[in-house]
Amino acid sequence: MQLASLDFLLFFFPAVVLIGICLPKNWRTLWCGAAGFIYCLLQGLSAFLPMILSVFMVRLLLLHINEVSSARRKESTMIAGFCFLVCMVLLSRFWHGSVPIAMTLCLMQLVELLLMYYHHPQPMLPFGVYFGYCFGLMRLWAGPVLTVAQYEYITENCKCSLTRFGKGIGSFIRGFAKLVLLALPANAIAEILLQRAESKTLSLPDALIGLIIIFFAVRYSLGGMAQMGRGLGSMLGYIYPERLQTLPAAPTYRKYWEQHWTAAAQWAKRVFHMYMPSLRRGVRMLAFGVTVGLLFGRGWNSLLWSLLLSLILWAEPKLQQLFGDLRIRLPIALQRAIVICMMLLSISTLYPATFGSAVDYGLALIGANGFRLHTEVLYALKINWLSLLGSALLLLPIRQWLKRCAAHSRILNWLSVLLVPLNECLLLILCMGTLLS
């Protein structure tokens, strides 16, 4: 079962919401875990089995860490847990083809749990809390990655209300629309471009256009899924923070990473800086690159992407210091343009499904296949121009602008009360029509 499908929209999603609302708060958290368990099961055995083995094996290892008193035995248990999780990642990559996003997020939390229990012995989490923490449905789609303390705070402050339900269903529909109306067409065009790259017929203009389209595909896939998760959580009374910002404009690559990959950046900061302070910075960055490369991406080229990412994050402060010593000061606009170019190039390395496809796309970017814009690419752009235009416009903070305008006008405020639900109903109808067609 896919998120962008009528089966999910008409059957799974309503059942989760209706049952969750009827349950008391203590049982609702367990139900969200059970719904996440069912959702993972519906993804197929190749996606479900590595995840369930990881969850229950780490549970046993955490119990063992709490029971033993020897520091060496605790360390060996933690290392055994890491090795087992790596084996599950490799099993998922060879069997499923990639690590599903649900398993990626769950593994990130399990790694942090192992480190936390090793460094700070504490009472074992009740099974219901642990189960909900690992399989919580709202976070399986695209995050955020939470600590146990953050998860417990959110669940303890669960409170259903009509206001939260209304905001949640609006957020869910907008996220679903991003997935269906923006991400799916962008993914379809990106796949055409990657096929042309593999057949050595992708020209330089085609590849440059493809960088922007691949960015749209990645951004609105992850952004739409995360917004759907926040919306579902709000309907059931849980409040998850909205972290994804609008324009990908940051003066440094580190700030871009922290702003637009917030959950992964915060997790990496906790794991590699808080729990591994004794390691040298270069060793921590290498461990970070290998870990992120194994967890993310559709092919082994994700390792190249993650190692380049860690190299950039490691070298950027040194370059800034060098420029400062030489008294070289780049304009902010130029810095942001450089970061955007680096971001687009890095995503084109991460997105392809195979290492060979990533190399072929890189060759196209340096003009190995010519400089002529092909008619097949023009046709794909022509029939999807509305989706691509919407993708570009939504990079602007249009919703925030409209809210500020409505706040200063009583008439616009009343109109927004009427037009926003109507707009979301039309989006939902359009999504259903798109899926049916």
Protein backbone atom coordinates (compact mmCIF):
# COMPACT_ATOMS: atom_id res chain seq x y z
CA MET A 1 0.00 0.00 0.00
CA GLN A 2 1.37 3.37 -1.05
CA LEU A 3 0.68 6.71 0.65
CA ALA A 4 -0.36 8.29 -2.65
CA SER A 5 -3.17 5.82 -3.32
CA LEU A 6 -6.93 5.63 -3.01
CA ASP A 7 -6.66 2.51 -0.83
CA PHE A 8 -4.77 4.53 1.76
CA LEU A 9 -6.98 7.62 1.48
CA LEU A 10 -10.37 5.88 1.51
CA PHE A 11 -9.79 2.92 3.84
CA PHE A 12 -6.62 2.93 5.96
CA PHE A 13 -6.54 6.62 6.91
CA PRO A 14 -10.24 6.93 7.96
CA ALA A 15 -10.02 3.72 10.01
CA VAL A 16 -6.93 4.97 11.89
CA VAL A 17 -8.53 8.34 12.65
CA LEU A 18 -11.96 7.03 13.70
CA ILE A 19 -10.57 4.34 15.99
CA GLY A 20 -7.93 6.69 17.42
CA ILE A 21 -10.44 9.42 18.30
CA CYS A 22 -12.71 6.94 20.10
CA LEU A 23 -9.93 5.61 22.31
CA PRO A 24 -8.76 7.24 25.58
CA LYS A 25 -5.39 9.01 25.56
CA ASN A 26 -3.43 6.13 27.14
CA TRP A 27 -4.73 3.63 24.58
CA ARG A 28 -4.45 6.04 21.64
CA THR A 29 -0.65 5.98 21.75
CA LEU A 30 -0.66 2.18 21.64
CA TRP A 31 -3.14 2.28 18.76
CA CYS A 32 -0.84 4.60 16.79
CA GLY A 33 1.95 2.06 17.30
CA ALA A 34 -0.32 -0.79 16.19
CA ALA A 35 -1.42 1.21 13.12
CA GLY A 36 2.24 1.83 12.27
CA PHE A 37 2.93 -1.89 12.69
CA ILE A 38 0.08 -2.71 10.27
CA TYR A 39 1.27 -0.06 7.82
CA CYS A 40 4.78 -1.55 7.79
CA LEU A 41 3.31 -5.02 7.31
CA LEU A 42 1.33 -3.80 4.30
CA GLN A 43 4.55 -2.58 2.67
CA GLY A 44 5.59 -6.20 2.15
CA LEU A 45 7.78 -8.74 3.91
CA SER A 46 11.02 -7.32 2.50
CA ALA A 47 10.29 -3.98 4.19
CA PHE A 48 8.65 -5.36 7.33
CA LEU A 49 10.88 -8.24 8.44
CA PRO A 50 14.19 -6.31 8.84
CA MET A 51 12.38 -3.61 10.79
CA ILE A 52 10.58 -5.93 13.21
CA LEU A 53 13.78 -7.92 13.80
CA SER A 54 15.66 -4.68 14.54
CA VAL A 55 13.04 -3.44 17.00
CA PHE A 56 12.80 -6.62 19.05
CA MET A 57 16.52 -7.45 19.00
CA VAL A 58 17.40 -3.96 20.27
CA ARG A 59 14.78 -4.41 22.99
CA LEU A 60 16.56 -7.56 24.18
CA LEU A 61 19.96 -5.88 24.02
CA LEU A 62 18.71 -2.91 26.06
CA LEU A 63 17.47 -5.32 28.73
CA HIS A 64 20.89 -6.98 28.75
CA ILE A 65 22.69 -3.61 29.04
CA ASN A 66 20.58 -2.78 32.09
CA GLU A 67 21.29 -6.14 33.73
CA VAL A 68 25.08 -6.35 33.33
CA SER A 69 27.37 -4.33 35.58
CA SER A 70 30.66 -4.67 33.69
CA ALA A 71 31.51 -1.68 31.47
CA ARG A 72 33.23 -3.96 28.96
CA ARG A 73 30.18 -6.21 28.64
CA LYS A 74 27.95 -3.16 28.18
CA GLU A 75 30.24 -1.90 25.44
CA SER A 76 30.33 -5.29 23.70
CA THR A 77 26.52 -5.48 23.87
CA MET A 78 26.20 -2.03 22.33
CA ILE A 79 28.65 -2.92 19.55
CA ALA A 80 26.74 -6.16 18.92
CA GLY A 81 23.56 -4.07 18.57
CA PHE A 82 25.22 -1.76 16.03
CA CYS A 83 26.51 -4.74 14.04
CA PHE A 84 23.05 -6.32 14.03
CA LEU A 85 21.45 -3.08 12.80
CA VAL A 86 24.05 -2.82 10.02
CA CYS A 87 23.19 -6.40 9.00
CA MET A 88 19.50 -5.44 8.87
CA VAL A 89 20.32 -2.42 6.72
CA LEU A 90 22.29 -4.61 4.30
CA LEU A 91 19.49 -7.20 4.29
CA SER A 92 16.96 -4.48 3.46
CA ARG A 93 19.16 -3.03 0.71
CA PHE A 94 19.79 -6.38 -0.98
CA TRP A 95 16.23 -7.70 -0.52
CA HIS A 96 14.06 -4.59 -0.79
CA GLY A 97 16.42 -2.56 -2.98
CA SER A 98 16.74 0.30 -0.50
CA VAL A 99 16.02 1.11 3.13
CA PRO A 100 12.37 2.26 3.42
CA ILE A 101 11.96 5.66 5.05
CA ALA A 102 10.00 4.10 7.93
CA MET A 103 12.86 1.73 8.73
CA THR A 104 15.43 4.52 8.33
CA LEU A 105 13.72 6.66 10.97
CA CYS A 106 13.20 3.69 13.28
CA LEU A 107 16.88 2.66 13.01
CA MET A 108 18.03 6.19 13.80
CA GLN A 109 16.00 6.10 17.00
CA LEU A 110 17.27 2.62 17.89
CA VAL A 111 20.90 3.72 17.47
CA GLU A 112 20.28 6.62 19.81
CA LEU A 113 18.58 4.32 22.34
CA LEU A 114 21.58 1.98 22.42
CA LEU A 115 23.95 4.90 23.02
CA MET A 116 21.68 6.47 25.63
CA TYR A 117 21.33 3.28 27.69
CA TYR A 118 25.06 2.61 27.46
CA HIS A 119 26.08 6.09 28.65
CA HIS A 120 23.20 6.76 31.07
CA PRO A 121 21.79 3.62 32.76
CA GLN A 122 18.09 4.09 33.49
CA PRO A 123 14.89 2.09 34.03
CA MET A 124 13.72 0.13 31.02
CA LEU A 125 10.95 1.70 28.99
CA PRO A 126 7.59 -0.07 29.33
CA PHE A 127 6.90 -2.21 26.29
CA GLY A 128 3.89 -0.09 25.25
CA VAL A 129 5.97 3.11 25.26
CA TYR A 130 8.84 1.41 23.41
CA PHE A 131 6.44 -0.08 20.84
CA GLY A 132 4.74 3.27 20.22
CA TYR A 133 8.11 5.03 20.05
CA CYS A 134 9.37 2.67 17.34
CA PHE A 135 6.16 2.21 15.32
CA GLY A 136 4.33 5.51 15.86
CA LEU A 137 2.43 5.89 12.58
CA MET A 138 2.68 9.69 12.24
CA ARG A 139 6.50 9.58 12.21
CA LEU A 140 7.00 6.56 9.96
CA TRP A 141 6.42 8.57 6.78
CA ALA A 142 9.03 11.31 7.11
CA GLY A 143 9.85 12.04 10.75
CA PRO A 144 10.70 13.79 12.90
CA VAL A 145 13.30 11.70 14.69
CA LEU A 146 12.52 12.17 18.38
CA THR A 147 14.33 11.39 21.58
CA VAL A 148 12.43 9.36 24.18
CA ALA A 149 11.93 12.52 26.28
CA GLN A 150 10.46 14.42 23.31
CA TYR A 151 8.19 11.50 22.47
CA GLU A 152 6.91 11.20 26.05
CA TYR A 153 6.31 14.97 26.24
CA ILE A 154 4.24 14.92 23.04
CA THR A 155 2.19 11.90 24.10
CA GLU A 156 1.56 13.28 27.59
CA ASN A 157 0.25 16.53 26.12
CA CYS A 158 -2.12 14.77 23.75
CA LYS A 159 -5.49 16.55 23.71
CA CYS A 160 -8.20 16.17 21.08
CA SER A 161 -10.14 19.29 20.11
CA LEU A 162 -12.12 20.56 17.15
CA THR A 163 -9.45 23.21 16.51
CA ARG A 164 -6.65 20.66 16.37
CA PHE A 165 -8.78 18.33 14.25
CA GLY A 166 -9.59 21.08 11.76
CA LYS A 167 -5.96 22.19 11.46
CA GLY A 168 -4.86 18.57 11.22
CA ILE A 169 -7.17 17.59 8.40
CA GLY A 170 -6.17 20.72 6.47
CA SER A 171 -2.49 19.94 6.93
CA PHE A 172 -3.06 16.31 5.94
CA ILE A 173 -4.87 17.27 2.71
CA ARG A 174 -2.21 19.81 1.75
CA GLY A 175 0.52 17.23 2.35
CA PHE A 176 -1.39 14.63 0.33
CA ALA A 177 -1.81 17.17 -2.49
CA LYS A 178 1.95 17.87 -2.50
CA LEU A 179 2.58 14.16 -2.81
CA VAL A 180 0.02 13.50 -5.57
CA LEU A 181 -0.02 16.75 -7.57
CA LEU A 182 3.62 17.82 -7.27
CA ALA A 183 5.91 14.96 -6.23
CA LEU A 184 4.47 12.24 -8.51
CA PRO A 185 4.75 14.27 -11.76
CA ALA A 186 8.24 15.45 -10.79
CA ASN A 187 9.26 11.85 -10.04
CA ALA A 188 7.88 10.71 -13.39
CA ILE A 189 9.89 13.34 -15.32
CA ALA A 190 13.00 12.61 -13.23
CA GLU A 191 12.76 8.90 -14.10
CA ILE A 192 12.56 9.77 -17.82
CA LEU A 193 15.68 11.91 -17.50
CA LEU A 194 17.55 9.17 -15.63
CA GLN A 195 16.63 6.65 -18.34
CA ARG A 196 17.99 9.02 -20.97
CA ALA A 197 21.17 9.43 -18.92
CA GLU A 198 21.63 5.65 -18.80
CA SER A 199 21.14 5.42 -22.58
CA LYS A 200 23.71 8.24 -23.08
CA THR A 201 21.17 10.55 -24.73
CA LEU A 202 20.73 13.13 -21.94
CA SER A 203 22.12 16.48 -23.05
CA LEU A 204 23.51 19.22 -20.84
CA PRO A 205 20.32 21.42 -20.96
CA ASP A 206 18.19 18.34 -20.16
CA ALA A 207 20.42 17.51 -17.18
CA LEU A 208 20.33 21.08 -15.85
CA ILE A 209 16.53 21.12 -16.03
CA GLY A 210 16.59 17.71 -14.37
CA LEU A 211 18.47 19.07 -11.35
CA ILE A 212 15.56 21.36 -10.53
CA ILE A 213 12.97 18.65 -11.17
CA ILE A 214 14.83 16.12 -8.98
CA PHE A 215 14.92 18.75 -6.24
CA PHE A 216 11.13 19.17 -6.57
CA ALA A 217 10.65 15.39 -6.45
CA VAL A 218 12.72 14.94 -3.28
CA ARG A 219 11.42 18.04 -1.52
CA TYR A 220 7.72 17.49 -2.09
CA SER A 221 7.91 13.75 -1.49
CA LEU A 222 9.48 14.20 1.94
CA GLY A 223 7.65 17.46 2.70
CA GLY A 224 4.28 16.07 1.70
CA MET A 225 4.71 12.90 3.75
CA ALA A 226 5.90 14.85 6.80
CA GLN A 227 2.94 17.23 6.51
CA MET A 228 0.54 14.29 6.27
CA GLY A 229 2.08 12.84 9.42
CA ARG A 230 1.77 16.12 11.32
CA GLY A 231 -1.83 16.47 10.15
CA LEU A 232 -2.77 12.96 11.26
CA GLY A 233 -1.07 13.56 14.61
CA SER A 234 -2.97 16.82 15.10
CA MET A 235 -6.29 15.11 14.37
CA LEU A 236 -5.51 12.62 17.13
CA GLY A 237 -4.35 15.36 19.52
CA TYR A 238 -0.55 15.20 19.07
CA ILE A 239 1.43 18.29 18.12
CA TYR A 240 4.60 17.74 16.09
CA PRO A 241 6.72 20.76 15.16
CA GLU A 242 6.83 21.94 11.55
CA ARG A 243 10.48 22.20 10.59
CA LEU A 244 10.77 22.35 6.79
CA GLN A 245 11.41 25.90 5.62
CA THR A 246 10.46 27.45 2.31
CA LEU A 247 13.28 28.74 0.14
CA PRO A 248 16.47 26.64 0.21
CA ALA A 249 18.64 29.74 0.64
CA ALA A 250 21.37 29.60 3.28
CA PRO A 251 24.79 31.33 3.32
CA THR A 252 26.61 28.10 4.30
CA TYR A 253 26.05 24.44 3.50
CA ARG A 254 25.95 23.59 7.20
CA LYS A 255 23.05 25.99 7.73
CA TYR A 256 21.28 24.53 4.70
CA TRP A 257 21.75 21.03 6.16
CA GLU A 258 20.46 22.13 9.56
CA GLN A 259 17.45 24.01 8.12
CA HIS A 260 16.27 21.59 5.45
CA TRP A 261 17.30 18.21 6.86
CA THR A 262 16.48 19.27 10.41
CA ALA A 263 15.54 15.90 11.91
CA ALA A 264 18.62 14.15 10.51
CA ALA A 265 20.89 17.07 11.46
CA GLN A 266 19.67 17.15 15.06
CA TRP A 267 19.95 13.37 15.34
CA ALA A 268 23.50 13.45 13.97
CA LYS A 269 24.44 16.22 16.42
CA ARG A 270 23.14 14.16 19.36
CA VAL A 271 24.70 10.88 18.25
CA PHE A 272 28.08 11.98 16.90
CA HIS A 273 28.78 14.99 19.11
CA MET A 274 27.03 14.35 22.41
CA TYR A 275 27.72 10.60 22.66
CA MET A 276 31.11 10.53 20.87
CA PRO A 277 32.96 13.63 22.12
CA SER A 278 36.28 11.80 22.57
CA LEU A 279 36.64 10.92 18.87
CA ARG A 280 38.51 13.28 16.59
CA ARG A 281 36.35 15.52 14.40
CA GLY A 282 37.49 13.84 11.19
CA VAL A 283 36.65 10.37 12.55
CA ARG A 284 33.21 11.55 13.67
CA MET A 285 32.53 13.04 10.23
CA LEU A 286 33.60 9.81 8.52
CA ALA A 287 31.33 7.76 10.81
CA PHE A 288 28.53 10.20 10.10
CA GLY A 289 29.04 9.89 6.33
CA VAL A 290 29.02 6.09 6.33
CA THR A 291 25.97 5.90 8.61
CA VAL A 292 23.87 8.39 6.64
CA GLY A 293 24.93 6.81 3.35
CA LEU A 294 23.74 3.37 4.48
CA LEU A 295 20.40 4.67 5.71
CA PHE A 296 19.40 7.08 2.94
CA GLY A 297 19.11 6.81 -0.82
CA ARG A 298 17.92 4.20 -3.30
CA GLY A 299 21.32 2.88 -4.40
CA TRP A 300 24.90 2.54 -3.24
CA ASN A 301 25.60 5.97 -4.71
CA SER A 302 24.10 7.30 -1.47
CA LEU A 303 27.44 6.44 0.15
CA LEU A 304 29.17 8.77 -2.29
CA TRP A 305 26.59 11.48 -1.52
CA SER A 306 26.97 11.12 2.24
CA LEU A 307 30.80 11.05 2.14
CA LEU A 308 30.78 14.20 0.00
CA LEU A 309 28.33 15.75 2.49
CA SER A 310 30.58 14.93 5.44
CA LEU A 311 33.62 16.23 3.52
CA ILE A 312 31.85 19.54 2.80
CA LEU A 313 30.69 19.92 6.42
CA TRP A 314 34.23 19.12 7.62
CA ALA A 315 36.02 21.45 5.17
CA GLU A 316 33.64 24.43 5.24
CA PRO A 317 34.81 25.90 8.59
CA LYS A 318 38.44 25.55 7.46
CA LEU A 319 37.70 27.37 4.21
CA GLN A 320 35.88 30.12 6.10
CA GLN A 321 38.90 30.52 8.37
CA LEU A 322 41.22 30.61 5.35
CA PHE A 323 39.08 33.27 3.63
CA GLY A 324 39.03 35.25 6.87
CA ASP A 325 42.83 35.13 7.12
CA LEU A 326 43.11 36.27 3.49
CA ARG A 327 40.42 38.93 4.11
CA ILE A 328 38.28 37.57 1.29
CA ARG A 329 34.60 38.34 1.82
CA LEU A 330 32.08 36.90 -0.66
CA PRO A 331 28.70 38.64 -1.09
CA ILE A 332 25.83 36.89 0.69
CA ALA A 333 23.96 36.45 -2.61
CA LEU A 334 26.96 34.66 -4.13
CA GLN A 335 27.33 32.45 -1.04
CA ARG A 336 23.67 31.43 -1.28
CA ALA A 337 23.98 30.77 -5.01
CA ILE A 338 26.98 28.50 -4.38
CA VAL A 339 25.07 26.60 -1.67
CA ILE A 340 22.05 26.14 -3.98
CA CYS A 341 24.28 24.79 -6.78
CA MET A 342 26.01 22.41 -4.38
CA MET A 343 22.65 21.28 -3.03
CA LEU A 344 21.27 20.53 -6.52
CA LEU A 345 24.40 18.62 -7.51
CA SER A 346 24.34 16.60 -4.28
CA ILE A 347 20.67 15.65 -4.73
CA SER A 348 21.40 14.49 -8.29
CA THR A 349 23.99 12.15 -6.78
CA LEU A 350 21.59 10.85 -4.12
CA TYR A 351 18.43 10.39 -6.20
CA PRO A 352 19.41 7.79 -8.88
CA ALA A 353 18.68 4.16 -8.07
CA THR A 354 22.12 2.85 -9.04
CA PHE A 355 25.70 4.05 -8.87
CA GLY A 356 26.04 3.73 -12.65
CA SER A 357 22.99 5.92 -13.20
CA ALA A 358 24.48 8.61 -10.93
CA VAL A 359 27.74 8.50 -12.93
CA ASP A 360 25.84 8.73 -16.23
CA TYR A 361 23.95 11.77 -14.97
CA GLY A 362 27.19 13.39 -13.86
CA LEU A 363 28.66 12.85 -17.34
CA ALA A 364 25.59 14.48 -18.87
CA LEU A 365 26.13 17.51 -16.64
CA ILE A 366 29.58 18.08 -18.13
CA GLY A 367 28.23 17.87 -21.69
CA ALA A 368 29.30 14.32 -22.60
CA ASN A 369 26.03 13.73 -24.51
CA GLY A 370 25.76 17.01 -26.37
CA PHE A 371 24.05 20.34 -25.84
CA ARG A 372 20.69 19.96 -27.62
CA LEU A 373 17.38 20.03 -25.73
CA HIS A 374 15.48 16.89 -26.76
CA THR A 375 11.82 16.85 -27.82
CA GLU A 376 10.91 14.05 -25.39
CA VAL A 377 12.01 16.19 -22.46
CA LEU A 378 10.17 19.22 -23.87
CA TYR A 379 7.01 17.11 -24.20
CA ALA A 380 7.29 15.90 -20.59
CA LEU A 381 7.70 19.51 -19.43
CA LYS A 382 4.76 20.62 -21.58
CA ILE A 383 2.25 18.13 -20.19
CA ASN A 384 3.39 18.71 -16.58
CA TRP A 385 3.96 22.47 -16.69
CA LEU A 386 1.20 23.20 -14.16
CA SER A 387 2.67 20.87 -11.54
CA LEU A 388 6.16 22.28 -12.06
CA LEU A 389 4.86 25.86 -11.85
CA GLY A 390 3.08 24.98 -8.60
CA SER A 391 6.28 23.41 -7.26
CA ALA A 392 8.21 26.59 -7.99
CA LEU A 393 5.56 28.89 -6.51
CA LEU A 394 5.28 26.88 -3.29
CA LEU A 395 8.95 27.55 -2.58
CA LEU A 396 7.78 31.05 -1.74
CA PRO A 397 6.14 31.61 1.67
CA ILE A 398 2.75 32.33 0.06
CA ARG A 399 0.70 30.92 2.93
CA GLN A 400 2.52 33.09 5.48
CA TRP A 401 2.02 36.18 3.31
CA LEU A 402 -1.71 35.50 3.02
CA LYS A 403 -2.01 34.99 6.79
CA ARG A 404 -0.30 38.30 7.46
CA CYS A 405 -2.54 40.09 4.97
CA ALA A 406 -5.68 38.53 6.46
CA ALA A 407 -4.59 39.47 10.00
CA HIS A 408 -4.76 43.18 9.12
CA SER A 409 -8.16 43.05 7.40
CA ARG A 410 -11.42 41.84 8.90
CA ILE A 411 -12.92 41.20 5.45
CA LEU A 412 -9.95 39.10 4.31
CA ASN A 413 -10.04 37.24 7.62
CA TRP A 414 -13.69 36.28 7.11
CA LEU A 415 -13.00 35.34 3.50
CA SER A 416 -10.13 33.08 4.57
CA VAL A 417 -12.47 31.27 6.97
CA LEU A 418 -14.67 30.39 3.98
CA LEU A 419 -12.08 29.97 1.24
CA VAL A 420 -9.49 27.83 3.05
CA PRO A 421 -11.84 24.84 3.66
CA LEU A 422 -13.21 25.21 0.12
CA ASN A 423 -9.68 25.20 -1.28
CA GLU A 424 -8.80 22.06 0.69
CA CYS A 425 -11.96 20.29 -0.50
CA LEU A 426 -11.06 21.14 -4.10
CA LEU A 427 -7.50 19.88 -3.54
CA LEU A 428 -8.86 16.60 -2.19
CA ILE A 429 -11.20 16.17 -5.18
CA LEU A 430 -8.37 16.99 -7.58
CA CYS A 431 -6.10 14.43 -5.88
CA MET A 432 -8.75 11.73 -6.12
CA GLY A 433 -9.35 12.54 -9.77
CA THR A 434 -5.64 12.40 -10.47
CA LEU A 435 -5.28 9.01 -8.79
CA LEU A 436 -8.32 7.64 -10.61
CA SER A 437 -6.95 8.79 -13.96
